[in-house]
PDB file of N, CA and C in Angstrom:
ATOM      1  N   MET A   1     -99.874 -12.711 -64.531  1.00  0.00           N
ATOM      2  CA  MET A   1     -99.904 -13.153 -63.165  1.00  0.00           C
ATOM      3  C   MET A   1    -100.347 -11.976 -62.313  1.00  0.00           C
ATOM      4  N   ARG A   2    -101.183 -12.262 -61.325  1.00  0.00           N
ATOM      5  CA  ARG A   2    -101.644 -11.236 -60.398  1.00  0.00           C
ATOM      6  C   ARG A   2    -101.339 -11.683 -58.983  1.00  0.00           C
ATOM      7  N   LEU A   3    -100.931 -10.761 -58.176  1.00  0.00           N
ATOM      8  CA  LEU A   3    -100.698 -11.036 -56.762  1.00  0.00           C
ATOM      9  C   LEU A   3    -101.680 -10.188 -55.975  1.00  0.00           C
ATOM     10  N   ARG A   4    -102.480 -10.851 -55.194  1.00  0.00           N
ATOM     11  CA  ARG A   4    -103.477 -10.143 -54.389  1.00  0.00           C
ATOM     12  C   ARG A   4    -103.068 -10.257 -52.921  1.00  0.00           C
ATOM     13  N   LEU A   5    -102.841  -9.124 -52.279  1.00  0.00           N
ATOM     14  CA  LEU A   5    -102.421  -9.100 -50.883  1.00  0.00           C
ATOM     15  C   LEU A   5    -103.501  -8.466 -50.025  1.00  0.00           C
ATOM     16  N   SER A   6    -103.653  -8.974 -48.827  1.00  0.00           N
ATOM     17  CA  SER A   6    -104.531  -8.331 -47.861  1.00  0.00           C
ATOM     18  C   SER A   6    -103.787  -8.247 -46.531  1.00  0.00           C
ATOM     19  N   ARG A   7    -104.093  -7.232 -45.788  1.00  0.00           N
ATOM     20  CA  ARG A   7    -103.355  -6.957 -44.550  1.00  0.00           C
ATOM     21  C   ARG A   7    -104.310  -7.083 -43.364  1.00  0.00           C
ATOM     22  N   PHE A   8    -103.833  -7.752 -42.328  1.00  0.00           N
ATOM     23  CA  PHE A   8    -104.586  -7.880 -41.089  1.00  0.00           C
ATOM     24  C   PHE A   8    -103.612  -7.671 -39.945  1.00  0.00           C
ATOM     25  N   LYS A   9    -103.715  -6.549 -39.274  1.00  0.00           N
ATOM     26  CA  LYS A   9    -102.780  -6.159 -38.213  1.00  0.00           C
ATOM     27  C   LYS A   9    -101.352  -6.236 -38.743  1.00  0.00           C
ATOM     28  N   ASN A  10    -100.494  -7.089 -38.164  1.00  0.00           N
ATOM     29  CA  ASN A  10     -99.098  -7.184 -38.599  1.00  0.00           C
ATOM     30  C   ASN A  10     -98.873  -8.291 -39.621  1.00  0.00           C
ATOM     31  N   PHE A  11     -99.923  -8.875 -40.142  1.00  0.00           N
ATOM     32  CA  PHE A  11     -99.797 -10.006 -41.052  1.00  0.00           C
ATOM     33  C   PHE A  11    -100.208  -9.610 -42.463  1.00  0.00           C
ATOM     34  N   ILE A  12     -99.541 -10.194 -43.427  1.00  0.00           N
ATOM     35  CA  ILE A  12     -99.917 -10.004 -44.829  1.00  0.00           C
ATOM     36  C   ILE A  12    -100.218 -11.378 -45.401  1.00  0.00           C
ATOM     37  N   PHE A  13    -101.374 -11.525 -45.992  1.00  0.00           N
ATOM     38  CA  PHE A  13    -101.779 -12.771 -46.624  1.00  0.00           C
ATOM     39  C   PHE A  13    -101.792 -12.547 -48.124  1.00  0.00           C
ATOM     40  N   GLY A  14    -101.326 -13.514 -48.879  1.00  0.00           N
ATOM     41  CA  GLY A  14    -101.266 -13.330 -50.322  1.00  0.00           C
ATOM     42  C   GLY A  14    -101.824 -14.504 -51.086  1.00  0.00           C
ATOM     43  N   GLU A  15    -102.211 -14.219 -52.302  1.00  0.00           N
ATOM     44  CA  GLU A  15    -102.709 -15.242 -53.214  1.00  0.00           C
ATOM     45  C   GLU A  15    -102.216 -14.880 -54.611  1.00  0.00           C
ATOM     46  N   VAL A  16    -101.657 -15.867 -55.309  1.00  0.00           N
ATOM     47  CA  VAL A  16    -101.160 -15.632 -56.659  1.00  0.00           C
ATOM     48  C   VAL A  16    -102.129 -16.286 -57.637  1.00  0.00           C
ATOM     49  N   LEU A  17    -102.578 -15.512 -58.589  1.00  0.00           N
ATOM     50  CA  LEU A  17    -103.460 -16.026 -59.632  1.00  0.00           C
ATOM     51  C   LEU A  17    -102.704 -15.991 -60.955  1.00  0.00           C
ATOM     52  N   HIS A  18    -102.728 -17.086 -61.689  1.00  0.00           N
ATOM     53  CA  HIS A  18    -102.037 -17.108 -62.976  1.00  0.00           C
ATOM     54  C   HIS A  18    -102.835 -17.928 -63.980  1.00  0.00           C
ATOM     55  N   ASP A  19    -102.524 -17.731 -65.234  1.00  0.00           N
ATOM     56  CA  ASP A  19    -103.197 -18.483 -66.287  1.00  0.00           C
ATOM     57  C   ASP A  19    -102.238 -19.540 -66.834  1.00  0.00           C
ATOM     58  N   LYS A  20    -102.789 -20.674 -67.249  1.00  0.00           N
ATOM     59  CA  LYS A  20    -101.990 -21.813 -67.727  1.00  0.00           C
ATOM     60  C   LYS A  20    -101.166 -21.465 -68.965  1.00  0.00           C
ATOM     61  N   GLU A  21    -101.641 -20.555 -69.804  1.00  0.00           N
ATOM     62  CA  GLU A  21    -100.931 -20.225 -71.042  1.00  0.00           C
ATOM     63  C   GLU A  21     -99.581 -19.569 -70.769  1.00  0.00           C
ATOM     64  N   SER A  22     -99.432 -18.925 -69.630  1.00  0.00           N
ATOM     65  CA  SER A  22     -98.195 -18.197 -69.330  1.00  0.00           C
ATOM     66  C   SER A  22     -97.168 -19.018 -68.556  1.00  0.00           C
ATOM     67  N   GLU A  23     -97.452 -20.293 -68.277  1.00  0.00           N
ATOM     68  CA  GLU A  23     -96.535 -21.097 -67.465  1.00  0.00           C
ATOM     69  C   GLU A  23     -95.147 -21.203 -68.076  1.00  0.00           C
ATOM     70  N   ASN A  24     -95.060 -21.385 -69.386  1.00  0.00           N
ATOM     71  CA  ASN A  24     -93.741 -21.481 -70.025  1.00  0.00           C
ATOM     72  C   ASN A  24     -92.948 -20.189 -69.856  1.00  0.00           C
ATOM     73  N   GLU A  25     -93.634 -19.065 -69.896  1.00  0.00           N
ATOM     74  CA  GLU A  25     -92.967 -17.779 -69.688  1.00  0.00           C
ATOM     75  C   GLU A  25     -92.424 -17.682 -68.262  1.00  0.00           C
ATOM     76  N   TYR A  26     -93.214 -18.128 -67.285  1.00  0.00           N
ATOM     77  CA  TYR A  26     -92.761 -18.106 -65.892  1.00  0.00           C
ATOM     78  C   TYR A  26     -91.539 -19.001 -65.704  1.00  0.00           C
ATOM     79  N   ILE A  27     -91.577 -20.179 -66.305  1.00  0.00           N
ATOM     80  CA  ILE A  27     -90.450 -21.113 -66.197  1.00  0.00           C
ATOM     81  C   ILE A  27     -89.204 -20.505 -66.820  1.00  0.00           C
ATOM     82  N   SER A  28     -89.343 -19.871 -67.970  1.00  0.00           N
ATOM     83  CA  SER A  28     -88.199 -19.216 -68.619  1.00  0.00           C
ATOM     84  C   SER A  28     -87.614 -18.115 -67.742  1.00  0.00           C
ATOM     85  N   LEU A  29     -88.477 -17.347 -67.104  1.00  0.00           N
ATOM     86  CA  LEU A  29     -88.006 -16.286 -66.212  1.00  0.00           C
ATOM     87  C   LEU A  29     -87.256 -16.851 -65.012  1.00  0.00           C
ATOM     88  N   LEU A  30     -87.750 -17.964 -64.468  1.00  0.00           N
ATOM     89  CA  LEU A  30     -87.056 -18.598 -63.346  1.00  0.00           C
ATOM     90  C   LEU A  30     -85.684 -19.117 -63.758  1.00  0.00           C
ATOM     91  N   PHE A  31     -85.592 -19.743 -64.944  1.00  0.00           N
ATOM     92  CA  PHE A  31     -84.298 -20.227 -65.436  1.00  0.00           C
ATOM     93  C   PHE A  31     -83.345 -19.066 -65.662  1.00  0.00           C
ATOM     94  N   GLU A  32     -83.873 -17.966 -66.167  1.00  0.00           N
ATOM     95  CA  GLU A  32     -83.046 -16.786 -66.402  1.00  0.00           C
ATOM     96  C   GLU A  32     -82.530 -16.215 -65.077  1.00  0.00           C
ATOM     97  N   LYS A  33     -83.382 -16.214 -64.062  1.00  0.00           N
ATOM     98  CA  LYS A  33     -83.003 -15.632 -62.775  1.00  0.00           C
ATOM     99  C   LYS A  33     -82.038 -16.517 -61.994  1.00  0.00           C
ATOM    100  N   TYR A  34     -82.308 -17.826 -61.905  1.00  0.00           N
ATOM    101  CA  TYR A  34     -81.528 -18.710 -61.040  1.00  0.00           C
ATOM    102  C   TYR A  34     -80.477 -19.538 -61.767  1.00  0.00           C
ATOM    103  N   GLY A  35     -80.632 -19.751 -63.048  1.00  0.00           N
ATOM    104  CA  GLY A  35     -79.631 -20.476 -63.817  1.00  0.00           C
ATOM    105  C   GLY A  35     -79.884 -21.976 -63.892  1.00  0.00           C
ATOM    106  N   GLU A  36     -79.246 -22.595 -64.872  1.00  0.00           N
ATOM    107  CA  GLU A  36     -79.447 -24.019 -65.136  1.00  0.00           C
ATOM    108  C   GLU A  36     -78.883 -24.891 -64.017  1.00  0.00           C
ATOM    109  N   ASP A  37     -77.727 -24.527 -63.470  1.00  0.00           N
ATOM    110  CA  ASP A  37     -77.118 -25.328 -62.400  1.00  0.00           C
ATOM    111  C   ASP A  37     -78.021 -25.404 -61.169  1.00  0.00           C
ATOM    112  N   PHE A  38     -78.668 -24.303 -60.853  1.00  0.00           N
ATOM    113  CA  PHE A  38     -79.594 -24.278 -59.721  1.00  0.00           C
ATOM    114  C   PHE A  38     -80.699 -25.314 -59.922  1.00  0.00           C
ATOM    115  N   PHE A  39     -81.264 -25.362 -61.129  1.00  0.00           N
ATOM    116  CA  PHE A  39     -82.368 -26.286 -61.384  1.00  0.00           C
ATOM    117  C   PHE A  39     -81.901 -27.732 -61.515  1.00  0.00           C
ATOM    118  N   LYS A  40     -80.645 -27.936 -61.867  1.00  0.00           N
ATOM    119  CA  LYS A  40     -80.096 -29.298 -61.831  1.00  0.00           C
ATOM    120  C   LYS A  40     -80.080 -29.804 -60.392  1.00  0.00           C
ATOM    121  N   LYS A  41     -79.677 -28.940 -59.471  1.00  0.00           N
ATOM    122  CA  LYS A  41     -79.661 -29.310 -58.055  1.00  0.00           C
ATOM    123  C   LYS A  41     -81.081 -29.551 -57.534  1.00  0.00           C
ATOM    124  N   VAL A  42     -82.025 -28.734 -57.982  1.00  0.00           N
ATOM    125  CA  VAL A  42     -83.429 -28.931 -57.596  1.00  0.00           C
ATOM    126  C   VAL A  42     -83.903 -30.297 -58.080  1.00  0.00           C
ATOM    127  N   TYR A  43     -83.563 -30.638 -59.314  1.00  0.00           N
ATOM    128  CA  TYR A  43     -83.993 -31.919 -59.877  1.00  0.00           C
ATOM    129  C   TYR A  43     -83.371 -33.091 -59.123  1.00  0.00           C
ATOM    130  N   LEU A  44     -82.115 -32.958 -58.715  1.00  0.00           N
ATOM    131  CA  LEU A  44     -81.473 -34.025 -57.942  1.00  0.00           C
ATOM    132  C   LEU A  44     -82.190 -34.236 -56.608  1.00  0.00           C
ATOM    133  N   LYS A  45     -82.585 -33.165 -55.957  1.00  0.00           N
ATOM    134  CA  LYS A  45     -83.346 -33.279 -54.705  1.00  0.00           C
ATOM    135  C   LYS A  45     -84.709 -33.922 -54.970  1.00  0.00           C
ATOM    136  N   TYR A  46     -85.311 -33.581 -56.100  1.00  0.00           N
ATOM    137  CA  TYR A  46     -86.591 -34.175 -56.488  1.00  0.00           C
ATOM    138  C   TYR A  46     -86.437 -35.681 -56.692  1.00  0.00           C
ATOM    139  N   GLN A  47     -85.338 -36.086 -57.308  1.00  0.00           N
ATOM    140  CA  GLN A  47     -85.085 -37.512 -57.521  1.00  0.00           C
ATOM    141  C   GLN A  47     -84.856 -38.253 -56.206  1.00  0.00           C
ATOM    142  N   GLN A  48     -84.403 -37.548 -55.191  1.00  0.00           N
ATOM    143  CA  GLN A  48     -84.179 -38.159 -53.881  1.00  0.00           C
ATOM    144  C   GLN A  48     -85.481 -38.351 -53.106  1.00  0.00           C
ATOM    145  N   GLY A  49     -86.589 -37.907 -53.675  1.00  0.00           N
ATOM    146  CA  GLY A  49     -87.883 -38.178 -53.063  1.00  0.00           C
ATOM    147  C   GLY A  49     -88.653 -36.970 -52.560  1.00  0.00           C
ATOM    148  N   LEU A  50     -88.073 -35.790 -52.631  1.00  0.00           N
ATOM    149  CA  LEU A  50     -88.808 -34.593 -52.218  1.00  0.00           C
ATOM    150  C   LEU A  50     -89.804 -34.196 -53.302  1.00  0.00           C
ATOM    151  N   SER A  51     -90.873 -33.524 -52.898  1.00  0.00           N
ATOM    152  CA  SER A  51     -91.778 -32.970 -53.907  1.00  0.00           C
ATOM    153  C   SER A  51     -91.045 -31.826 -54.603  1.00  0.00           C
ATOM    154  N   ILE A  52     -91.464 -31.479 -55.804  1.00  0.00           N
ATOM    155  CA  ILE A  52     -90.739 -30.475 -56.587  1.00  0.00           C
ATOM    156  C   ILE A  52     -90.767 -29.111 -55.897  1.00  0.00           C
ATOM    157  N   ASP A  53     -91.885 -28.761 -55.273  1.00  0.00           N
ATOM    158  CA  ASP A  53     -91.934 -27.469 -54.585  1.00  0.00           C
ATOM    159  C   ASP A  53     -91.065 -27.453 -53.333  1.00  0.00           C
ATOM    160  N   GLN A  54     -91.000 -28.580 -52.626  1.00  0.00           N
ATOM    161  CA  GLN A  54     -90.132 -28.667 -51.449  1.00  0.00           C
ATOM    162  C   GLN A  54     -88.660 -28.627 -51.862  1.00  0.00           C
ATOM    163  N   ALA A  55     -88.315 -29.303 -52.954  1.00  0.00           N
ATOM    164  CA  ALA A  55     -86.936 -29.287 -53.458  1.00  0.00           C
ATOM    165  C   ALA A  55     -86.532 -27.872 -53.866  1.00  0.00           C
ATOM    166  N   PHE A  56     -87.427 -27.161 -54.529  1.00  0.00           N
ATOM    167  CA  PHE A  56     -87.158 -25.784 -54.945  1.00  0.00           C
ATOM    168  C   PHE A  56     -86.945 -24.895 -53.721  1.00  0.00           C
ATOM    169  N   LYS A  57     -87.813 -25.038 -52.721  1.00  0.00           N
ATOM    170  CA  LYS A  57     -87.708 -24.233 -51.507  1.00  0.00           C
ATOM    171  C   LYS A  57     -86.395 -24.514 -50.778  1.00  0.00           C
ATOM    172  N   GLU A  58     -86.026 -25.786 -50.653  1.00  0.00           N
ATOM    173  CA  GLU A  58     -84.778 -26.125 -49.963  1.00  0.00           C
ATOM    174  C   GLU A  58     -83.561 -25.575 -50.686  1.00  0.00           C
ATOM    175  N   MET A  59     -83.573 -25.614 -52.015  1.00  0.00           N
ATOM    176  CA  MET A  59     -82.437 -25.069 -52.763  1.00  0.00           C
ATOM    177  C   MET A  59     -82.365 -23.553 -52.612  1.00  0.00           C
ATOM    178  N   LEU A  60     -83.500 -22.885 -52.575  1.00  0.00           N
ATOM    179  CA  LEU A  60     -83.498 -21.440 -52.341  1.00  0.00           C
ATOM    180  C   LEU A  60     -82.850 -21.115 -51.001  1.00  0.00           C
ATOM    181  N   LEU A  61     -83.180 -21.908 -49.976  1.00  0.00           N
ATOM    182  CA  LEU A  61     -82.594 -21.691 -48.657  1.00  0.00           C
ATOM    183  C   LEU A  61     -81.103 -22.010 -48.649  1.00  0.00           C
ATOM    184  N   GLU A  62     -80.713 -23.136 -49.269  1.00  0.00           N
ATOM    185  CA  GLU A  62     -79.304 -23.541 -49.298  1.00  0.00           C
ATOM    186  C   GLU A  62     -78.435 -22.531 -50.038  1.00  0.00           C
ATOM    187  N   GLU A  63     -78.962 -21.984 -51.116  1.00  0.00           N
ATOM    188  CA  GLU A  63     -78.199 -21.034 -51.926  1.00  0.00           C
ATOM    189  C   GLU A  63     -78.247 -19.614 -51.357  1.00  0.00           C
ATOM    190  N   GLY A  64     -79.009 -19.420 -50.295  1.00  0.00           N
ATOM    191  CA  GLY A  64     -79.103 -18.096 -49.683  1.00  0.00           C
ATOM    192  C   GLY A  64     -79.953 -17.120 -50.477  1.00  0.00           C
ATOM    193  N   LYS A  65     -80.857 -17.628 -51.301  1.00  0.00           N
ATOM    194  CA  LYS A  65     -81.722 -16.760 -52.109  1.00  0.00           C
ATOM    195  C   LYS A  65     -82.870 -16.180 -51.283  1.00  0.00           C
ATOM    196  N   VAL A  66     -83.297 -16.907 -50.258  1.00  0.00           N
ATOM    197  CA  VAL A  66     -84.341 -16.438 -49.348  1.00  0.00           C
ATOM    198  C   VAL A  66     -83.919 -16.784 -47.925  1.00  0.00           C
ATOM    199  N   LYS A  67     -84.554 -16.146 -46.975  1.00  0.00           N
ATOM    200  CA  LYS A  67     -84.285 -16.427 -45.571  1.00  0.00           C
ATOM    201  C   LYS A  67     -85.529 -17.031 -44.942  1.00  0.00           C
ATOM    202  N   LYS A  68     -85.319 -17.934 -43.984  1.00  0.00           N
ATOM    203  CA  LYS A  68     -86.439 -18.489 -43.243  1.00  0.00           C
ATOM    204  C   LYS A  68     -87.040 -17.397 -42.374  1.00  0.00           C
ATOM    205  N   ILE A  69     -88.346 -17.457 -42.230  1.00  0.00           N
ATOM    206  CA  ILE A  69     -88.998 -16.519 -41.325  1.00  0.00           C
ATOM    207  C   ILE A  69     -89.542 -17.302 -40.136  1.00  0.00           C
ATOM    208  N   ARG A  70     -89.623 -16.637 -39.027  1.00  0.00           N
ATOM    209  CA  ARG A  70     -90.184 -17.265 -37.834  1.00  0.00           C
ATOM    210  C   ARG A  70     -91.679 -17.011 -37.823  1.00  0.00           C
ATOM    211  N   VAL A  71     -92.421 -18.067 -37.593  1.00  0.00           N
ATOM    212  CA  VAL A  71     -93.873 -17.958 -37.553  1.00  0.00           C
ATOM    213  C   VAL A  71     -94.328 -18.344 -36.156  1.00  0.00           C
ATOM    214  N   ARG A  72     -95.091 -17.484 -35.558  1.00  0.00           N
ATOM    215  CA  ARG A  72     -95.619 -17.752 -34.231  1.00  0.00           C
ATOM    216  C   ARG A  72     -97.028 -18.281 -34.348  1.00  0.00           C
ATOM    217  N   LYS A  73     -97.325 -19.293 -33.566  1.00  0.00           N
ATOM    218  CA  LYS A  73     -98.665 -19.841 -33.554  1.00  0.00           C
ATOM    219  C   LYS A  73     -99.550 -18.940 -32.704  1.00  0.00           C
ATOM    220  N   ILE A  74    -100.712 -18.624 -33.210  1.00  0.00           N
ATOM    221  CA  ILE A  74    -101.639 -17.741 -32.508  1.00  0.00           C
ATOM    222  C   ILE A  74    -102.672 -18.595 -31.780  1.00  0.00           C
ATOM    223  N   GLY A  75    -102.961 -18.252 -30.555  1.00  0.00           N
ATOM    224  CA  GLY A  75    -103.966 -18.978 -29.791  1.00  0.00           C
ATOM    225  C   GLY A  75    -103.365 -20.120 -29.002  1.00  0.00           C
ATOM    226  N   LYS A  76    -104.168 -20.692 -28.143  1.00  0.00           N
ATOM    227  CA  LYS A  76    -103.724 -21.815 -27.303  1.00  0.00           C
ATOM    228  C   LYS A  76    -104.364 -23.094 -27.797  1.00  0.00           C
ATOM    229  N   ASN A  77    -103.608 -24.182 -27.730  1.00  0.00           N
ATOM    230  CA  ASN A  77    -104.143 -25.500 -28.121  1.00  0.00           C
ATOM    231  C   ASN A  77    -104.186 -26.417 -26.935  1.00  0.00           C
TER     232      ASN A  77
END
């Protein structure tokens, strides 16, 4: 997996590049880091109709694993 970051003033933009062959390794690392119970809760949220990435993000926030960041809109609409 490669993470490519670029900086523009106070902003950092990122892109993650990965190969399909390593997906099982990534999944194993996530299970090792967060545990089986965490992913059971993610799956329950997924069954309630959320997309899998949204369910994962919400569980990270609920469990206090990450913090929400404030994003300001640039420019006038």
